[in-house]
N, C-alpha and C. Protein backbone atom coordinates (compact mmCIF):
# COMPACT_ATOMS: atom_id res chain seq x y z
N MET A 1 -9.12 41.95 57.93
CA MET A 1 -8.80 41.05 56.77
C MET A 1 -7.32 40.96 56.71
N ASN A 2 -6.56 40.58 57.71
CA ASN A 2 -5.44 40.29 57.75
C ASN A 2 -4.90 38.95 57.51
N GLY A 3 -5.96 37.94 57.27
CA GLY A 3 -5.45 36.66 57.21
C GLY A 3 -5.13 36.10 55.82
N LYS A 4 -4.09 35.53 55.91
CA LYS A 4 -3.46 34.99 54.74
C LYS A 4 -4.41 33.95 53.90
N ARG A 5 -4.57 34.25 52.48
CA ARG A 5 -5.23 33.31 51.65
C ARG A 5 -4.09 32.54 50.77
N SER A 6 -4.59 31.07 50.73
CA SER A 6 -3.89 30.48 49.81
C SER A 6 -4.48 30.23 48.61
N ALA A 7 -3.82 30.39 47.53
CA ALA A 7 -4.48 30.24 46.10
C ALA A 7 -3.39 30.24 45.51
N PHE A 8 -3.75 29.57 44.04
CA PHE A 8 -2.66 29.24 43.07
C PHE A 8 -2.47 30.53 42.27
N THR A 9 -1.36 30.68 41.72
CA THR A 9 -0.84 31.97 41.18
C THR A 9 -1.10 31.40 39.58
N LEU A 10 -1.18 32.76 38.84
CA LEU A 10 -1.70 32.64 37.23
C LEU A 10 -0.20 31.45 36.90
N ILE A 11 0.81 31.78 37.17
CA ILE A 11 1.97 30.94 36.51
C ILE A 11 1.68 29.46 36.80
N GLU A 12 1.31 29.27 38.15
CA GLU A 12 1.15 27.78 38.42
C GLU A 12 -0.03 27.25 37.65
N ILE A 13 -1.20 27.62 37.50
CA ILE A 13 -2.21 27.37 36.56
C ILE A 13 -1.82 27.22 35.28
N LEU A 14 -1.05 28.10 34.47
CA LEU A 14 -0.61 27.92 33.31
C LEU A 14 0.18 26.60 33.03
N ILE A 15 1.01 26.37 33.97
CA ILE A 15 1.98 25.11 33.88
C ILE A 15 0.99 23.97 34.05
N VAL A 16 0.29 23.85 34.90
CA VAL A 16 -0.73 22.87 35.13
C VAL A 16 -1.66 22.73 33.52
N MET A 17 -2.06 23.70 32.94
CA MET A 17 -2.68 23.50 31.86
C MET A 17 -1.88 23.22 30.52
N VAL A 18 -0.32 23.61 30.45
CA VAL A 18 0.34 22.91 29.41
C VAL A 18 0.64 21.51 29.79
N ILE A 19 0.76 21.06 30.95
CA ILE A 19 0.86 19.65 31.22
C ILE A 19 -0.15 18.86 30.63
N ILE A 20 -1.44 19.24 30.95
CA ILE A 20 -2.64 18.64 30.65
C ILE A 20 -2.96 18.77 29.15
N GLY A 21 -2.35 19.70 28.37
CA GLY A 21 -2.60 19.74 26.95
C GLY A 21 -1.55 18.80 26.37
N PHE A 22 -0.14 18.74 26.82
CA PHE A 22 0.48 17.67 26.42
C PHE A 22 0.42 16.24 26.65
N MET A 23 -0.48 15.98 27.82
CA MET A 23 -0.93 14.57 27.86
C MET A 23 -2.16 14.51 27.19
N VAL A 24 -2.80 15.22 26.81
CA VAL A 24 -4.10 15.18 26.02
C VAL A 24 -3.50 14.85 24.35
N THR A 25 -2.54 15.40 24.00
CA THR A 25 -2.14 15.12 22.60
C THR A 25 -1.34 13.91 22.64
N ILE A 26 -0.67 13.55 23.53
CA ILE A 26 0.24 12.51 23.63
C ILE A 26 -0.38 11.17 23.69
N ILE A 27 -1.05 11.18 24.84
CA ILE A 27 -1.43 9.75 25.48
C ILE A 27 -2.43 9.10 24.44
N PRO A 28 -3.32 9.51 23.97
CA PRO A 28 -4.39 8.97 23.01
C PRO A 28 -3.47 8.36 21.70
N SER A 29 -2.34 8.96 21.36
CA SER A 29 -1.77 8.46 20.32
C SER A 29 -1.15 7.07 20.58
N TRP A 30 -0.77 7.02 21.93
CA TRP A 30 -0.15 5.82 22.49
C TRP A 30 -1.28 4.66 22.49
N ILE A 31 -2.24 5.22 23.04
CA ILE A 31 -3.55 4.40 23.34
C ILE A 31 -4.22 3.78 21.96
N PHE A 32 -4.48 4.83 21.05
CA PHE A 32 -5.25 4.49 20.07
C PHE A 32 -4.18 4.14 18.78
N LYS A 33 -3.19 3.63 18.87
CA LYS A 33 -1.96 3.59 17.76
C LYS A 33 -2.47 2.45 16.97
N LYS A 34 -2.59 2.82 15.57
CA LYS A 34 -3.05 1.88 14.47
C LYS A 34 -2.16 0.69 14.52
N LYS A 35 -2.58 -0.26 14.72
CA LYS A 35 -1.65 -1.67 14.49
C LYS A 35 -1.63 -2.12 13.08
N VAL A 36 -0.67 -2.60 12.60
CA VAL A 36 -0.96 -2.97 10.97
C VAL A 36 -1.43 -4.30 11.07
N ASP A 37 -2.35 -4.19 10.18
CA ASP A 37 -3.26 -5.39 9.99
C ASP A 37 -2.67 -6.44 9.11
N ALA A 38 -2.17 -7.59 9.64
CA ALA A 38 -1.47 -8.37 8.52
C ALA A 38 -2.22 -9.81 8.10
N THR A 39 -3.39 -9.50 7.89
CA THR A 39 -4.57 -10.41 7.44
C THR A 39 -4.43 -10.54 6.00
N LEU A 40 -4.69 -11.48 5.42
CA LEU A 40 -4.81 -11.48 3.94
C LEU A 40 -5.93 -10.49 3.07
N PRO A 41 -6.95 -10.66 4.01
CA PRO A 41 -8.22 -9.62 3.63
C PRO A 41 -7.72 -8.18 3.60
N ALA A 42 -7.10 -7.85 4.55
CA ALA A 42 -6.55 -6.35 4.81
C ALA A 42 -5.74 -6.11 3.78
N VAL A 43 -4.46 -7.00 3.51
CA VAL A 43 -3.57 -6.84 2.17
C VAL A 43 -4.31 -6.85 1.12
N MET A 44 -5.14 -7.49 0.69
CA MET A 44 -6.07 -7.50 -0.45
C MET A 44 -6.71 -6.05 -0.49
N SER A 45 -7.26 -5.50 0.50
CA SER A 45 -7.96 -4.26 0.56
C SER A 45 -7.08 -3.32 0.22
N GLU A 46 -5.64 -3.29 0.53
CA GLU A 46 -4.77 -2.33 0.34
C GLU A 46 -4.34 -2.38 -1.17
N PHE A 47 -4.33 -3.57 -1.72
CA PHE A 47 -4.12 -3.75 -3.07
C PHE A 47 -5.11 -3.09 -3.81
N ASN A 48 -6.22 -3.31 -3.46
CA ASN A 48 -7.52 -2.69 -4.21
C ASN A 48 -7.39 -1.22 -3.93
N ASN A 49 -6.95 -0.82 -2.94
CA ASN A 49 -6.82 0.60 -2.80
C ASN A 49 -5.75 1.36 -3.77
N LEU A 50 -4.72 0.67 -3.96
CA LEU A 50 -3.82 1.05 -4.88
C LEU A 50 -4.27 0.87 -6.30
N LEU A 51 -5.00 -0.02 -6.66
CA LEU A 51 -5.50 -0.26 -7.78
C LEU A 51 -6.75 0.83 -8.35
N LEU A 52 -7.30 1.48 -7.34
CA LEU A 52 -8.30 2.41 -7.29
C LEU A 52 -7.55 3.59 -7.70
N ILE A 53 -6.66 3.96 -7.04
CA ILE A 53 -5.69 5.25 -7.30
C ILE A 53 -5.07 5.15 -8.44
N ALA A 54 -4.82 3.92 -9.04
CA ALA A 54 -3.90 3.88 -10.43
C ALA A 54 -5.13 4.21 -11.54
N ARG A 55 -6.35 3.52 -11.28
CA ARG A 55 -7.44 3.90 -12.14
C ARG A 55 -7.66 5.16 -12.20
N GLN A 56 -7.86 5.95 -11.07
CA GLN A 56 -8.11 7.32 -11.24
C GLN A 56 -7.15 8.21 -11.70
N GLN A 57 -5.67 7.69 -11.59
CA GLN A 57 -4.48 8.58 -12.24
C GLN A 57 -4.62 8.22 -13.56
N ALA A 58 -4.90 7.11 -14.00
CA ALA A 58 -4.84 6.83 -15.60
C ALA A 58 -5.93 7.58 -16.33
N VAL A 59 -7.25 7.81 -15.46
CA VAL A 59 -8.21 8.44 -16.29
C VAL A 59 -8.07 9.96 -16.19
N LEU A 60 -7.78 10.40 -14.91
CA LEU A 60 -7.59 11.80 -14.69
C LEU A 60 -6.45 12.50 -15.63
N ASN A 61 -5.37 11.59 -15.61
CA ASN A 61 -4.19 12.14 -16.68
C ASN A 61 -4.27 11.88 -18.08
N GLN A 62 -5.03 10.78 -18.32
CA GLN A 62 -4.81 10.24 -19.84
C GLN A 62 -3.68 9.72 -20.16
N LYS A 63 -3.08 8.83 -19.03
CA LYS A 63 -1.71 8.46 -19.12
C LYS A 63 -1.83 6.86 -18.66
N THR A 64 -1.15 5.96 -19.52
CA THR A 64 -1.21 4.74 -18.64
C THR A 64 -0.43 4.54 -17.58
N CYS A 65 -1.26 3.82 -16.34
CA CYS A 65 -0.48 3.61 -15.21
C CYS A 65 -0.12 2.25 -14.91
N ARG A 66 0.79 1.66 -13.78
CA ARG A 66 0.66 0.28 -13.70
C ARG A 66 0.81 0.32 -12.26
N LEU A 67 0.52 -1.00 -11.86
CA LEU A 67 1.00 -1.36 -10.37
C LEU A 67 2.43 -2.24 -10.28
N PHE A 68 3.17 -1.68 -9.67
CA PHE A 68 4.60 -2.41 -9.89
C PHE A 68 4.74 -3.08 -8.55
N PHE A 69 4.91 -4.40 -8.58
CA PHE A 69 5.29 -5.30 -7.44
C PHE A 69 6.81 -5.43 -7.23
N LYS A 70 7.20 -5.52 -6.23
CA LYS A 70 8.84 -5.63 -6.08
C LYS A 70 9.15 -6.73 -4.81
N SER A 71 9.59 -7.54 -5.00
CA SER A 71 9.91 -8.50 -4.06
C SER A 71 11.53 -8.79 -3.86
N GLU A 72 12.21 -8.76 -2.63
CA GLU A 72 13.57 -8.99 -2.55
C GLU A 72 13.68 -9.87 -1.26
N LYS A 73 14.53 -10.69 -1.37
CA LYS A 73 14.68 -11.74 -0.45
C LYS A 73 14.63 -11.20 1.03
N ASN A 74 15.61 -10.29 1.55
CA ASN A 74 15.83 -9.73 2.85
C ASN A 74 14.99 -8.52 3.16
N LEU A 75 14.54 -8.02 2.38
CA LEU A 75 13.66 -6.83 2.65
C LEU A 75 12.16 -7.01 2.44
N ARG A 76 11.46 -5.96 2.84
CA ARG A 76 9.89 -6.07 2.67
C ARG A 76 9.42 -5.87 1.36
N ASP A 77 8.48 -6.79 0.88
CA ASP A 77 8.00 -6.56 -0.34
C ASP A 77 7.17 -5.14 -0.57
N TYR A 78 6.70 -4.80 -1.64
CA TYR A 78 5.89 -3.44 -1.71
C TYR A 78 5.35 -3.52 -3.03
N VAL A 79 4.26 -2.67 -2.92
CA VAL A 79 3.43 -2.43 -4.37
C VAL A 79 3.23 -0.83 -4.40
N VAL A 80 3.64 -0.45 -5.57
CA VAL A 80 3.62 1.20 -5.86
C VAL A 80 2.88 1.39 -7.20
N VAL A 81 1.99 2.49 -7.08
CA VAL A 81 1.52 2.98 -8.50
C VAL A 81 2.38 3.93 -9.06
N GLN A 82 2.53 3.60 -10.56
CA GLN A 82 3.33 4.16 -11.12
C GLN A 82 2.67 4.89 -12.56
N ILE A 83 3.18 5.95 -13.01
CA ILE A 83 2.48 6.46 -14.06
C ILE A 83 3.33 6.88 -15.26
N MET A 84 3.04 6.46 -16.48
CA MET A 84 3.84 6.61 -17.66
C MET A 84 4.35 8.28 -18.10
N GLU A 85 5.66 8.41 -17.88
CA GLU A 85 5.91 9.80 -18.45
C GLU A 85 6.91 9.77 -19.59
N GLN A 86 6.94 11.07 -20.23
CA GLN A 86 8.21 11.05 -21.07
C GLN A 86 9.31 11.07 -20.39
N ASP A 87 10.42 10.46 -21.34
CA ASP A 87 11.87 10.34 -20.57
C ASP A 87 12.35 11.66 -21.00
N PRO A 88 12.93 12.63 -19.95
CA PRO A 88 13.51 13.83 -20.08
C PRO A 88 14.84 13.78 -20.83
N GLU A 89 15.45 12.34 -20.92
CA GLU A 89 16.69 12.31 -21.71
C GLU A 89 16.45 11.98 -23.03
N ASN A 90 15.28 11.06 -23.59
CA ASN A 90 15.12 10.75 -24.78
C ASN A 90 13.51 10.84 -24.88
N SER A 91 13.26 11.97 -25.73
CA SER A 91 11.94 12.21 -26.15
C SER A 91 10.90 11.09 -26.81
N GLU A 92 11.71 10.07 -27.33
CA GLU A 92 10.74 8.98 -27.88
C GLU A 92 10.64 7.97 -27.12
N LYS A 93 11.36 7.82 -25.76
CA LYS A 93 11.11 7.19 -24.78
C LYS A 93 10.14 7.46 -23.77
N LYS A 94 9.63 6.36 -23.24
CA LYS A 94 8.78 6.40 -22.13
C LYS A 94 9.19 5.81 -20.81
N VAL A 95 8.94 6.48 -19.71
CA VAL A 95 9.53 5.83 -18.50
C VAL A 95 8.34 5.84 -17.54
N PHE A 96 8.54 4.85 -16.50
CA PHE A 96 7.36 4.92 -15.60
C PHE A 96 7.83 5.75 -14.16
N LYS A 97 7.07 6.35 -13.40
CA LYS A 97 7.53 7.20 -12.25
C LYS A 97 6.56 7.02 -11.37
N VAL A 98 6.99 6.91 -10.02
CA VAL A 98 5.93 6.69 -8.94
C VAL A 98 4.97 7.96 -9.00
N ALA A 99 3.63 7.46 -9.21
CA ALA A 99 2.68 8.44 -8.92
C ALA A 99 2.69 9.19 -7.46
N SER A 100 2.51 10.51 -7.63
CA SER A 100 2.27 11.28 -6.36
C SER A 100 0.79 11.55 -6.26
N SER A 101 0.50 11.77 -4.83
CA SER A 101 -0.88 12.14 -4.44
C SER A 101 -0.46 13.02 -3.21
N GLU A 102 -1.25 13.99 -3.06
CA GLU A 102 -1.27 14.88 -1.86
C GLU A 102 -1.89 14.46 -0.81
N TYR A 103 -2.87 13.55 -0.99
CA TYR A 103 -3.77 12.86 0.16
C TYR A 103 -3.75 11.34 0.25
N LEU A 104 -2.95 10.89 -0.85
CA LEU A 104 -3.11 9.29 -0.70
C LEU A 104 -1.86 8.83 -0.96
N ASP A 105 -1.56 7.66 -0.19
CA ASP A 105 -0.19 7.02 -0.12
C ASP A 105 -0.16 6.06 -1.39
N THR A 106 0.72 6.20 -2.43
CA THR A 106 0.54 5.42 -3.61
C THR A 106 1.72 4.14 -3.39
N LYS A 107 2.28 3.98 -2.41
CA LYS A 107 3.17 2.78 -2.03
C LYS A 107 2.73 2.09 -0.73
N TYR A 108 2.74 0.70 -0.97
CA TYR A 108 2.27 -0.25 0.19
C TYR A 108 3.38 -1.11 0.27
N ASP A 109 3.63 -0.98 1.57
CA ASP A 109 4.75 -2.17 2.06
C ASP A 109 4.26 -3.30 2.72
N LEU A 110 4.22 -4.25 2.08
CA LEU A 110 3.54 -5.59 2.86
C LEU A 110 3.98 -5.95 4.23
N PRO A 111 3.13 -6.07 5.25
CA PRO A 111 3.28 -6.31 6.58
C PRO A 111 4.41 -7.49 6.87
N LYS A 112 5.24 -7.45 7.87
CA LYS A 112 6.19 -8.48 8.15
C LYS A 112 5.53 -9.68 8.00
N GLY A 113 6.00 -10.81 7.58
CA GLY A 113 5.51 -12.08 7.54
C GLY A 113 4.72 -12.23 6.37
N ILE A 114 4.41 -11.37 5.55
CA ILE A 114 3.61 -11.49 4.02
C ILE A 114 4.78 -11.14 2.94
N LYS A 115 4.68 -12.21 2.11
CA LYS A 115 5.76 -12.14 1.02
C LYS A 115 5.15 -12.18 -0.18
N LEU A 116 5.55 -11.55 -1.31
CA LEU A 116 4.83 -11.96 -2.53
C LEU A 116 5.66 -13.09 -3.05
N GLU A 117 4.99 -13.93 -3.64
CA GLU A 117 5.58 -15.43 -4.09
C GLU A 117 5.78 -15.26 -5.55
N ALA A 118 4.88 -14.89 -6.37
CA ALA A 118 4.91 -15.09 -7.75
C ALA A 118 3.54 -13.87 -8.19
N VAL A 119 3.96 -13.59 -9.43
CA VAL A 119 3.05 -12.61 -10.10
C VAL A 119 2.79 -13.37 -11.65
N TYR A 120 1.73 -13.49 -11.78
CA TYR A 120 1.54 -14.05 -13.20
C TYR A 120 0.79 -13.18 -14.17
N LEU A 121 1.20 -12.80 -15.28
CA LEU A 121 0.38 -12.17 -16.57
C LEU A 121 0.32 -12.74 -17.73
N ASP A 122 -0.84 -13.09 -18.02
CA ASP A 122 -0.88 -14.05 -19.31
C ASP A 122 -0.50 -15.35 -19.16
N GLY A 123 -0.39 -15.94 -18.06
CA GLY A 123 0.26 -17.33 -17.59
C GLY A 123 1.61 -17.25 -17.37
N ASN A 124 2.16 -16.12 -17.68
CA ASN A 124 3.68 -16.06 -17.49
C ASN A 124 3.94 -15.68 -16.06
N GLU A 125 5.08 -16.12 -15.41
CA GLU A 125 5.50 -15.71 -14.31
C GLU A 125 6.62 -14.75 -14.30
N LEU A 126 6.41 -13.55 -13.83
CA LEU A 126 7.13 -12.39 -14.05
C LEU A 126 8.35 -12.07 -13.07
N PHE A 127 8.18 -12.73 -11.85
CA PHE A 127 9.30 -12.59 -11.01
C PHE A 127 10.65 -13.10 -11.62
N SER A 128 10.55 -14.49 -12.03
CA SER A 128 11.66 -15.33 -12.49
C SER A 128 12.18 -14.33 -13.74
N GLU A 129 11.26 -13.92 -14.26
CA GLU A 129 11.70 -13.28 -15.82
C GLU A 129 12.44 -12.07 -15.33
N ASN A 130 11.87 -11.05 -14.34
CA ASN A 130 12.33 -9.89 -14.05
C ASN A 130 12.96 -9.48 -12.70
N LYS A 131 13.68 -10.64 -12.38
CA LYS A 131 14.45 -10.55 -10.95
C LYS A 131 13.59 -9.76 -9.95
N GLY A 132 12.47 -10.44 -9.61
CA GLY A 132 11.64 -9.78 -8.62
C GLY A 132 10.80 -8.89 -8.84
N GLU A 133 10.55 -8.24 -9.92
CA GLU A 133 9.64 -7.23 -10.36
C GLU A 133 8.89 -7.87 -11.31
N ALA A 134 7.47 -7.07 -11.01
CA ALA A 134 6.21 -7.49 -11.95
C ALA A 134 5.49 -6.25 -12.06
N TYR A 135 4.49 -6.04 -12.92
CA TYR A 135 3.53 -5.15 -12.98
C TYR A 135 2.46 -5.50 -13.77
N CYS A 136 1.44 -4.67 -13.58
CA CYS A 136 0.11 -4.96 -14.50
C CYS A 136 -0.20 -3.45 -14.87
N TYR A 137 -0.69 -3.14 -16.15
CA TYR A 137 -1.13 -1.88 -16.89
C TYR A 137 -2.43 -1.60 -16.49
N ILE A 138 -2.77 -0.30 -16.16
CA ILE A 138 -4.17 0.10 -16.25
C ILE A 138 -4.19 1.29 -17.35
N THR A 139 -5.08 1.20 -18.12
CA THR A 139 -5.20 1.99 -19.19
C THR A 139 -6.20 3.35 -19.01
N PRO A 140 -6.10 4.43 -19.49
CA PRO A 140 -6.63 5.71 -19.62
C PRO A 140 -8.40 5.41 -19.57
N ASN A 141 -8.71 4.26 -20.32
CA ASN A 141 -10.02 3.79 -20.37
C ASN A 141 -10.43 3.09 -19.20
N SER A 142 -9.32 2.88 -18.25
CA SER A 142 -9.78 2.22 -16.92
C SER A 142 -9.76 0.76 -16.93
N LEU A 143 -9.17 0.05 -18.07
CA LEU A 143 -9.05 -1.41 -18.17
C LEU A 143 -7.88 -1.89 -17.45
N VAL A 144 -7.88 -3.01 -16.99
CA VAL A 144 -6.93 -3.49 -16.06
C VAL A 144 -6.62 -4.89 -16.60
N GLN A 145 -5.10 -5.22 -16.59
CA GLN A 145 -4.91 -6.66 -17.23
C GLN A 145 -5.09 -7.40 -16.17
N ASP A 146 -5.36 -8.57 -16.65
CA ASP A 146 -5.76 -9.86 -15.91
C ASP A 146 -4.34 -10.28 -15.42
N ILE A 147 -4.43 -10.25 -13.95
CA ILE A 147 -3.08 -10.75 -13.22
C ILE A 147 -3.40 -11.42 -12.07
N MET A 148 -2.46 -12.10 -11.68
CA MET A 148 -2.62 -13.18 -10.42
C MET A 148 -1.54 -13.10 -9.64
N VAL A 149 -1.61 -12.93 -8.43
CA VAL A 149 -0.38 -12.76 -7.46
C VAL A 149 -0.62 -13.74 -6.46
N HIS A 150 0.49 -14.57 -6.24
CA HIS A 150 0.55 -15.50 -5.22
C HIS A 150 1.27 -14.85 -4.00
N ILE A 151 0.67 -15.10 -2.77
CA ILE A 151 1.03 -14.40 -1.49
C ILE A 151 1.21 -15.64 -0.66
N ILE A 152 2.17 -15.58 0.31
CA ILE A 152 2.43 -16.40 1.44
C ILE A 152 2.45 -15.46 2.73
N ARG A 153 1.77 -16.09 3.80
CA ARG A 153 1.69 -15.59 5.06
C ARG A 153 2.38 -16.37 5.87
N ARG A 154 3.46 -16.13 6.52
CA ARG A 154 4.08 -17.01 7.40
C ARG A 154 3.81 -16.44 9.06
N LEU A 155 2.96 -17.45 9.70
CA LEU A 155 2.80 -17.13 10.90
C LEU A 155 3.04 -18.52 11.80
N ASP A 156 3.93 -18.12 12.78
CA ASP A 156 4.29 -19.33 13.62
C ASP A 156 4.78 -20.48 12.80
N ASP A 157 5.73 -20.44 11.89
CA ASP A 157 6.21 -21.58 11.18
C ASP A 157 5.08 -22.19 10.20
N LEU A 158 3.94 -21.65 10.04
CA LEU A 158 3.14 -22.13 9.10
C LEU A 158 2.93 -21.15 8.17
N ASP A 159 2.82 -21.86 6.90
CA ASP A 159 2.45 -21.00 5.58
C ASP A 159 1.10 -21.05 5.28
N GLN A 160 0.41 -19.88 5.12
CA GLN A 160 -1.00 -19.57 4.59
C GLN A 160 -0.75 -19.02 3.04
N LYS A 161 -1.10 -19.84 2.24
CA LYS A 161 -1.07 -19.59 0.65
C LYS A 161 -2.47 -18.85 0.14
N ALA A 162 -2.28 -17.75 -0.77
CA ALA A 162 -3.53 -17.21 -1.14
C ALA A 162 -3.02 -16.84 -2.47
N THR A 163 -4.12 -16.28 -3.35
CA THR A 163 -3.90 -15.83 -4.53
C THR A 163 -4.77 -14.66 -4.66
N PHE A 164 -4.23 -13.44 -5.07
CA PHE A 164 -5.26 -12.44 -5.38
C PHE A 164 -5.25 -12.33 -6.98
N LYS A 165 -6.42 -12.19 -7.23
CA LYS A 165 -6.66 -12.26 -8.79
C LYS A 165 -7.61 -11.15 -9.29
N ILE A 166 -7.05 -10.62 -10.43
CA ILE A 166 -8.17 -9.47 -10.84
C ILE A 166 -8.80 -10.13 -12.11
N GLU A 167 -9.90 -9.85 -12.19
CA GLU A 167 -10.80 -10.15 -13.44
C GLU A 167 -10.80 -8.66 -14.26
N PRO A 168 -10.28 -8.61 -15.33
CA PRO A 168 -10.19 -7.50 -16.02
C PRO A 168 -11.27 -6.44 -16.10
N PHE A 169 -12.48 -6.88 -16.35
CA PHE A 169 -13.73 -6.07 -16.36
C PHE A 169 -14.14 -5.65 -15.08
N ILE A 170 -13.91 -6.35 -14.00
CA ILE A 170 -14.49 -6.25 -12.68
C ILE A 170 -13.54 -4.90 -12.11
N GLY A 171 -12.05 -5.41 -12.29
CA GLY A 171 -11.22 -4.52 -11.80
C GLY A 171 -10.86 -4.37 -10.40
N GLU A 172 -11.02 -5.30 -9.93
CA GLU A 172 -10.43 -5.43 -8.48
C GLU A 172 -9.99 -6.74 -8.05
N PHE A 173 -9.06 -6.81 -7.25
CA PHE A 173 -8.66 -8.11 -6.70
C PHE A 173 -9.43 -8.93 -5.93
N GLU A 174 -9.48 -10.29 -6.36
CA GLU A 174 -10.46 -11.26 -5.25
C GLU A 174 -9.60 -12.15 -4.66
N LEU A 175 -9.75 -12.72 -3.54
CA LEU A 175 -9.06 -13.55 -2.85
C LEU A 175 -9.47 -14.74 -2.94
N TYR A 176 -8.43 -15.91 -3.11
CA TYR A 176 -8.68 -17.27 -3.29
C TYR A 176 -7.67 -17.91 -2.45
N ASN A 177 -8.21 -18.87 -1.60
CA ASN A 177 -7.24 -19.67 -0.67
C ASN A 177 -6.49 -20.55 -1.60
N GLY A 178 -5.04 -20.64 -1.23
CA GLY A 178 -4.26 -21.44 -1.91
C GLY A 178 -3.90 -21.03 -3.15
N PHE A 179 -2.74 -21.62 -3.70
CA PHE A 179 -2.29 -20.91 -5.09
C PHE A 179 -3.12 -21.52 -6.22
N LEU A 180 -3.79 -20.71 -6.94
CA LEU A 180 -4.38 -21.06 -8.28
C LEU A 180 -3.41 -21.26 -9.29
N LYS A 181 -3.94 -22.12 -10.21
CA LYS A 181 -2.81 -22.46 -11.44
C LYS A 181 -3.13 -21.41 -12.37
N PRO A 182 -2.12 -21.00 -12.87
CA PRO A 182 -2.29 -19.74 -13.92
C PRO A 182 -2.82 -20.57 -15.38
N GLN A 183 -3.26 -19.70 -16.17
CA GLN A 183 -3.75 -20.27 -17.33
C GLN A 183 -3.18 -19.50 -18.53
N LYS A 184 -2.79 -20.10 -19.63
CA LYS A 184 -2.18 -19.45 -20.76
C LYS A 184 -3.21 -19.19 -21.59
């Protein structure tokens, strides 16, 4: 048995296993990377998720919550869940702070090409009154204010207009094509 045997050493096998392990963890994330869905139904679904989080926070903490809408000209618009807290500087004053959740994202940045055009509460347009900010309240008994959000989706120089509207007792956004006229 003087013949030489060619075999892999333990170090060579370990190096190959590390390379394969690295490829198994990295490559699927490139292949299956989640693309941002910029369709209006997908955006409405995200709004409804935030509304559900706000309702849960309001009931769980027995505090008023709100959906806060922010629109700025050159930045992406967003919606965030906020919860009413005691102002640490003035005990008689209440402030709204971003709600935190260990498992859920309480802020949603609208995809590129989708902008908040207007937000109406009780027939009043809030963006023009509040410099690009608007909100609707969710009470601890889970009631939601009647709010209407006008959204524009710009795609290849075409504008698709839509309205997301909450019916207070249903408590979720409904999608309507075009801009609905606000009622006072």
